[in-house]
C-alpha atoms as a PDB file:
ATOM      1  CA  MET A   1     280.538-118.231  31.075  1.00  0.00           C
ATOM      2  CA  LYS A   2     281.404-122.077  31.908  1.00  0.00           C
ATOM      3  CA  LEU A   3     283.455-121.024  34.828  1.00  0.00           C
ATOM      4  CA  HIS A   4     280.125-119.085  36.240  1.00  0.00           C
ATOM      5  CA  ALA A   5     278.475-121.572  35.980  1.00  0.00           C
ATOM      6  CA  VAL A   6     280.803-123.965  37.821  1.00  0.00           C
ATOM      7  CA  GLY A   7     281.226-121.498  40.674  1.00  0.00           C
ATOM      8  CA  ASP A   8     277.193-120.893  40.467  1.00  0.00           C
ATOM      9  CA  ASN A   9     275.806-124.188  40.838  1.00  0.00           C
ATOM     10  CA  GLU A  10     277.810-127.372  41.611  1.00  0.00           C
ATOM     11  CA  ALA A  11     275.412-129.679  39.454  1.00  0.00           C
ATOM     12  CA  ARG A  12     276.561-128.417  36.522  1.00  0.00           C
ATOM     13  CA  HIS A  13     280.389-129.572  37.058  1.00  0.00           C
ATOM     14  CA  GLY A  14     280.285-132.568  34.991  1.00  0.00           C
ATOM     15  CA  LYS A  15     279.417-131.148  31.518  1.00  0.00           C
ATOM     16  CA  ASP A  16     280.822-127.742  31.956  1.00  0.00           C
ATOM     17  CA  LEU A  17     284.095-129.005  33.408  1.00  0.00           C
ATOM     18  CA  LEU A  18     284.643-131.127  30.851  1.00  0.00           C
ATOM     19  CA  ASP A  19     284.037-128.607  28.324  1.00  0.00           C
ATOM     20  CA  ILE A  20     286.380-126.325  29.886  1.00  0.00           C
ATOM     21  CA  ARG A  21     289.206-129.143  29.762  1.00  0.00           C
ATOM     22  CA  GLU A  22     288.225-129.449  26.108  1.00  0.00           C
ATOM     23  CA  LEU A  23     288.681-126.102  25.654  1.00  0.00           C
ATOM     24  CA  LEU A  24     292.453-126.125  27.401  1.00  0.00           C
ATOM     25  CA  SER A  25     293.275-129.147  25.585  1.00  0.00           C
ATOM     26  CA  GLU A  26     292.430-128.345  21.676  1.00  0.00           C
ATOM     27  CA  ASN A  27     294.328-124.827  22.807  1.00  0.00           C
ATOM     28  CA  PRO A  28     297.831-125.474  24.893  1.00  0.00           C
ATOM     29  CA  GLY A  29     299.784-122.482  25.343  1.00  0.00           C
ATOM     30  CA  VAL A  30     297.114-119.488  24.662  1.00  0.00           C
ATOM     31  CA  ILE A  31     296.056-119.142  28.077  1.00  0.00           C
ATOM     32  CA  SER A  32     299.120-119.008  30.787  1.00  0.00           C
ATOM     33  CA  ASP A  33     299.102-121.419  33.728  1.00  0.00           C
ATOM     34  CA  GLU A  34     298.790-118.305  35.856  1.00  0.00           C
ATOM     35  CA  ARG A  35     296.105-116.944  33.880  1.00  0.00           C
ATOM     36  CA  GLN A  36     293.835-119.467  34.065  1.00  0.00           C
ATOM     37  CA  ARG A  37     294.431-120.083  37.738  1.00  0.00           C
ATOM     38  CA  GLN A  38     293.164-115.586  37.777  1.00  0.00           C
ATOM     39  CA  LEU A  39     290.012-116.581  35.778  1.00  0.00           C
ATOM     40  CA  CYS A  40     288.949-119.550  37.447  1.00  0.00           C
ATOM     41  CA  GLU A  41     289.595-118.056  40.814  1.00  0.00           C
ATOM     42  CA  LYS A  42     287.691-114.507  39.568  1.00  0.00           C
ATOM     43  CA  PHE A  43     284.971-116.534  38.081  1.00  0.00           C
ATOM     44  CA  ALA A  44     284.307-120.023  39.438  1.00  0.00           C
ATOM     45  CA  GLY A  45     285.764-119.002  42.866  1.00  0.00           C
ATOM     46  CA  PRO A  46     288.422-119.874  44.957  1.00  0.00           C
ATOM     47  CA  ASP A  47     288.320-123.615  44.000  1.00  0.00           C
ATOM     48  CA  GLY A  48     287.891-123.082  40.463  1.00  0.00           C
ATOM     49  CA  TYR A  49     291.377-123.326  39.463  1.00  0.00           C
ATOM     50  CA  ASP A  50     291.481-126.537  41.182  1.00  0.00           C
ATOM     51  CA  LEU A  51     288.270-128.018  39.791  1.00  0.00           C
ATOM     52  CA  VAL A  52     289.432-127.399  36.033  1.00  0.00           C
ATOM     53  CA  LYS A  53     292.913-128.601  36.596  1.00  0.00           C
ATOM     54  CA  THR A  54     292.049-132.362  38.619  1.00  0.00           C
ATOM     55  CA  PRO A  55     290.017-134.357  36.686  1.00  0.00           C
ATOM     56  CA  ARG A  56     287.554-136.679  38.608  1.00  0.00           C
END
């Protein structure tokens, strides 16, 4: 759901990206980097992975 929000509404980037990054940092190795990329691109669009991985 957070990835959908990031892809659909730029105004939600701040909170949702922080939540996604926190979940990933608290659960290292649960989802491979390649799987993260696939999910981000599928649900948040072609730039989804970069949005999640690049702190702003």
